[in-house]
C-alpha cells in the first residue's frame, strides 16, 4: 500500500487532468461547488485534491449542512458551472432528486460515489482509474460517434446476454 502522500499526489494529477482535459473547465468564468462528506479516508483524499485544484470553490460538508442550504447553493449556480459530489455512501436529501435537479440546471457534474465500498488496499487502483488518457478517449470517442452516425443497428453484448 503506497503512502497517503503518494495517493494524494496521484489524485491531484488525475483530478487536474479531468478538470482541464476532460471537461475543459473555465477557471476564470465558471463557479464550482464541492459537496462532500468526511466519513471515509478515500473521500478525504479526493476532497483535498479538488480543494487544492479549485481554491475558489464553495465547499459544503453535507454532514454539517442542511437540505435548504445545499439546494440554495445549487440554485445559485449558472449553466455550465461545476458541481463536484464526493460521497462515502450516498447523499440523501429526503425525496429531493439531486442529479435530476443538477441536470435541469444544466450544470456540469463530477461525481465520486459509494467510496466506502473501496477497501484501503484498492484506493490506489481507484485513484489510478481516474487517469485521463486523452489520446484514447478522443480516438475512441470519434470512432464511436462515427459508428453511431453510420450504422443502423446497435447491439450491446454483456457477458452471455445480447440485447438490441
Protein backbone atom coordinates (compact mmCIF):
# COMPACT_ATOMS: atom_id res chain seq x y z
CA UNK A 1 0.00 0.00 0.00
CA UNK A 2 1.51 3.34 -1.04
CA UNK A 3 1.76 6.18 1.44
CA UNK A 4 -1.11 8.61 1.86
CA UNK A 5 1.18 11.30 0.44
CA UNK A 6 1.73 9.30 -2.76
CA UNK A 7 -2.00 8.59 -3.09
CA UNK A 8 -2.70 12.31 -2.64
CA UNK A 9 -0.15 13.22 -5.32
CA UNK A 10 -1.67 10.74 -7.79
CA UNK A 11 -5.18 12.00 -7.04
CA UNK A 12 -4.03 15.61 -7.58
CA UNK A 13 -2.61 14.77 -11.02
CA UNK A 14 -5.56 12.67 -12.19
CA UNK A 15 -8.21 15.11 -10.99
CA UNK A 16 -6.32 18.03 -12.54
CA UNK A 17 -6.46 16.19 -15.87
CA UNK A 18 -10.19 15.51 -15.50
CA UNK A 19 -10.86 19.17 -14.81
CA UNK A 20 -8.62 20.63 -17.51
CA UNK A 21 -8.58 17.99 -20.26
CA UNK A 22 -11.86 16.13 -19.95
CA UNK A 23 -14.39 18.80 -19.06
CA UNK A 24 -12.16 21.73 -20.05
CA UNK A 25 -13.30 23.77 -17.08
CA UNK A 26 -13.00 27.55 -17.46
CA UNK A 27 -11.49 28.60 -14.13
CA UNK A 28 -11.97 32.32 -14.77
CA UNK A 29 -15.61 32.38 -15.82
CA UNK A 30 -17.27 29.45 -14.08
CA UNK A 31 -18.10 28.74 -10.46
CA UNK A 32 -17.56 25.50 -8.60
CA UNK A 33 -19.44 23.90 -5.74
CA UNK A 34 -17.90 20.91 -3.95
CA UNK A 35 -20.29 18.84 -1.82
CA UNK A 36 -18.51 16.22 0.27
CA UNK A 37 -18.51 14.21 3.45
CA UNK A 38 -15.64 13.20 5.72
CA UNK A 39 -16.74 9.68 6.62
CA UNK A 40 -14.02 7.89 4.65
CA UNK A 41 -10.29 8.45 4.08
CA UNK A 42 -10.60 7.99 0.31
CA UNK A 43 -13.31 10.66 0.31
CA UNK A 44 -10.92 12.96 2.18
CA UNK A 45 -8.11 12.35 -0.34
CA UNK A 46 -10.35 13.26 -3.29
CA UNK A 47 -11.84 16.25 -1.48
CA UNK A 48 -8.34 17.54 -0.70
CA UNK A 49 -7.42 17.33 -4.39
CA UNK A 50 -10.48 19.27 -5.50
CA UNK A 51 -9.96 21.90 -2.79
CA UNK A 52 -6.34 22.35 -3.88
CA UNK A 53 -7.15 22.50 -7.59
CA UNK A 54 -10.28 24.64 -7.26
CA UNK A 55 -9.39 27.06 -4.44
CA UNK A 56 -12.26 29.45 -5.28
CA UNK A 57 -14.87 26.69 -4.97
CA UNK A 58 -17.67 26.92 -2.47
CA UNK A 59 -17.39 23.97 -0.07
CA UNK A 60 -20.28 22.19 1.61
CA UNK A 61 -19.71 19.39 4.09
CA UNK A 62 -23.03 17.61 3.76
CA UNK A 63 -22.81 16.29 7.32
CA UNK A 64 -22.63 19.84 8.67
CA UNK A 65 -25.24 21.38 6.36
CA UNK A 66 -28.97 21.29 5.96
CA UNK A 67 -31.08 20.44 2.93
CA UNK A 68 -32.13 24.04 2.25
CA UNK A 69 -28.56 25.35 2.27
CA UNK A 70 -27.48 22.71 -0.25
CA UNK A 71 -30.42 23.27 -2.59
CA UNK A 72 -29.96 27.04 -2.38
CA UNK A 73 -26.29 26.59 -3.32
CA UNK A 74 -27.27 24.51 -6.36
CA UNK A 75 -29.80 27.14 -7.40
CA UNK A 76 -27.18 29.92 -7.20
CA UNK A 77 -25.09 28.22 -9.87
CA UNK A 78 -25.26 29.19 -13.55
CA UNK A 79 -25.45 26.90 -16.57
CA UNK A 80 -22.13 25.09 -17.20
CA UNK A 81 -20.83 25.78 -13.68
CA UNK A 82 -19.31 22.74 -12.00
CA UNK A 83 -20.69 20.70 -9.11
CA UNK A 84 -18.46 18.01 -7.60
CA UNK A 85 -20.13 15.36 -5.42
CA UNK A 86 -17.76 13.29 -3.29
CA UNK A 87 -19.64 10.81 -1.16
CA UNK A 88 -18.72 7.91 1.07
CA UNK A 89 -22.14 6.34 0.55
CA UNK A 90 -24.87 8.48 -0.96
CA UNK A 91 -26.34 11.88 -0.25
CA UNK A 92 -29.92 11.72 0.90
CA UNK A 93 -31.97 14.89 0.93
CA UNK A 94 -35.33 13.31 1.63
CA UNK A 95 -37.18 12.94 -1.67
CA UNK A 96 -35.08 15.59 -3.40
CA UNK A 97 -33.51 14.22 -6.57
CA UNK A 98 -30.06 15.81 -6.69
CA UNK A 99 -28.93 14.54 -10.07
CA UNK A 100 -32.17 15.43 -11.85
CA UNK A 101 -32.07 18.91 -10.31
CA UNK A 102 -28.45 19.43 -11.40
CA UNK A 103 -29.31 18.21 -14.91
CA UNK A 104 -32.25 20.60 -15.13
CA UNK A 105 -29.97 23.47 -14.09
CA UNK A 106 -27.59 22.50 -16.94
CA UNK A 107 -24.65 22.11 -14.57
CA UNK A 108 -21.54 20.08 -15.16
CA UNK A 109 -21.19 17.32 -12.59
CA UNK A 110 -18.29 15.17 -11.46
CA UNK A 111 -19.36 12.50 -9.03
CA UNK A 112 -17.43 10.07 -6.85
CA UNK A 113 -19.93 7.91 -5.04
CA UNK A 114 -20.09 4.92 -2.72
CA UNK A 115 -16.40 5.29 -1.88
CA UNK A 116 -16.90 3.26 1.31
CA UNK A 117 -17.07 0.17 -0.94
CA UNK A 118 -13.36 0.54 -1.70
CA UNK A 119 -11.23 -1.11 0.98
CA UNK A 120 -7.92 0.60 1.65
CA UNK A 121 -5.96 -1.91 -0.45
CA UNK A 122 -7.94 -0.76 -3.56
CA UNK A 123 -7.56 3.00 -3.09
CA UNK A 124 -4.56 3.19 -5.41
CA UNK A 125 -6.49 1.27 -8.08
CA UNK A 126 -9.44 3.66 -7.75
CA UNK A 127 -7.20 6.71 -7.95
CA UNK A 128 -5.30 5.25 -10.92
CA UNK A 129 -8.64 4.63 -12.66
CA UNK A 130 -9.24 8.38 -12.63
CA UNK A 131 -6.30 8.92 -15.01
CA UNK A 132 -7.47 10.64 -18.18
CA UNK A 133 -5.95 9.09 -21.30
CA UNK A 134 -6.71 11.94 -23.68
CA UNK A 135 -5.50 10.16 -26.81
CA UNK A 136 -7.56 7.02 -26.16
CA UNK A 137 -10.74 8.90 -25.24
CA UNK A 138 -10.55 11.21 -28.24
CA UNK A 139 -9.74 8.38 -30.67
CA UNK A 140 -12.41 6.06 -29.26
CA UNK A 141 -14.95 8.87 -28.98
CA UNK A 142 -14.60 9.78 -32.65
CA UNK A 143 -14.80 6.11 -33.62
CA UNK A 144 -17.99 5.59 -31.60
CA UNK A 145 -19.63 8.75 -32.91
CA UNK A 146 -18.89 7.63 -36.47
CA UNK A 147 -20.32 4.15 -35.77
CA UNK A 148 -23.47 5.59 -34.21
CA UNK A 149 -23.93 8.01 -37.11
CA UNK A 150 -23.45 5.40 -39.86
CA UNK A 151 -24.78 2.10 -38.53
CA UNK A 152 -28.49 1.33 -38.43
CA UNK A 153 -28.35 -1.25 -35.63
CA UNK A 154 -26.71 -1.21 -32.24
CA UNK A 155 -26.09 -4.48 -30.44
CA UNK A 156 -24.83 -4.39 -26.87
CA UNK A 157 -23.21 -7.59 -25.64
CA UNK A 158 -22.61 -8.12 -21.96
CA UNK A 159 -21.50 -11.47 -20.54
CA UNK A 160 -23.58 -14.08 -22.33
CA UNK A 161 -26.51 -11.74 -22.90
CA UNK A 162 -27.33 -9.92 -26.11
CA UNK A 163 -29.86 -7.08 -26.42
CA UNK A 164 -30.87 -4.93 -29.40
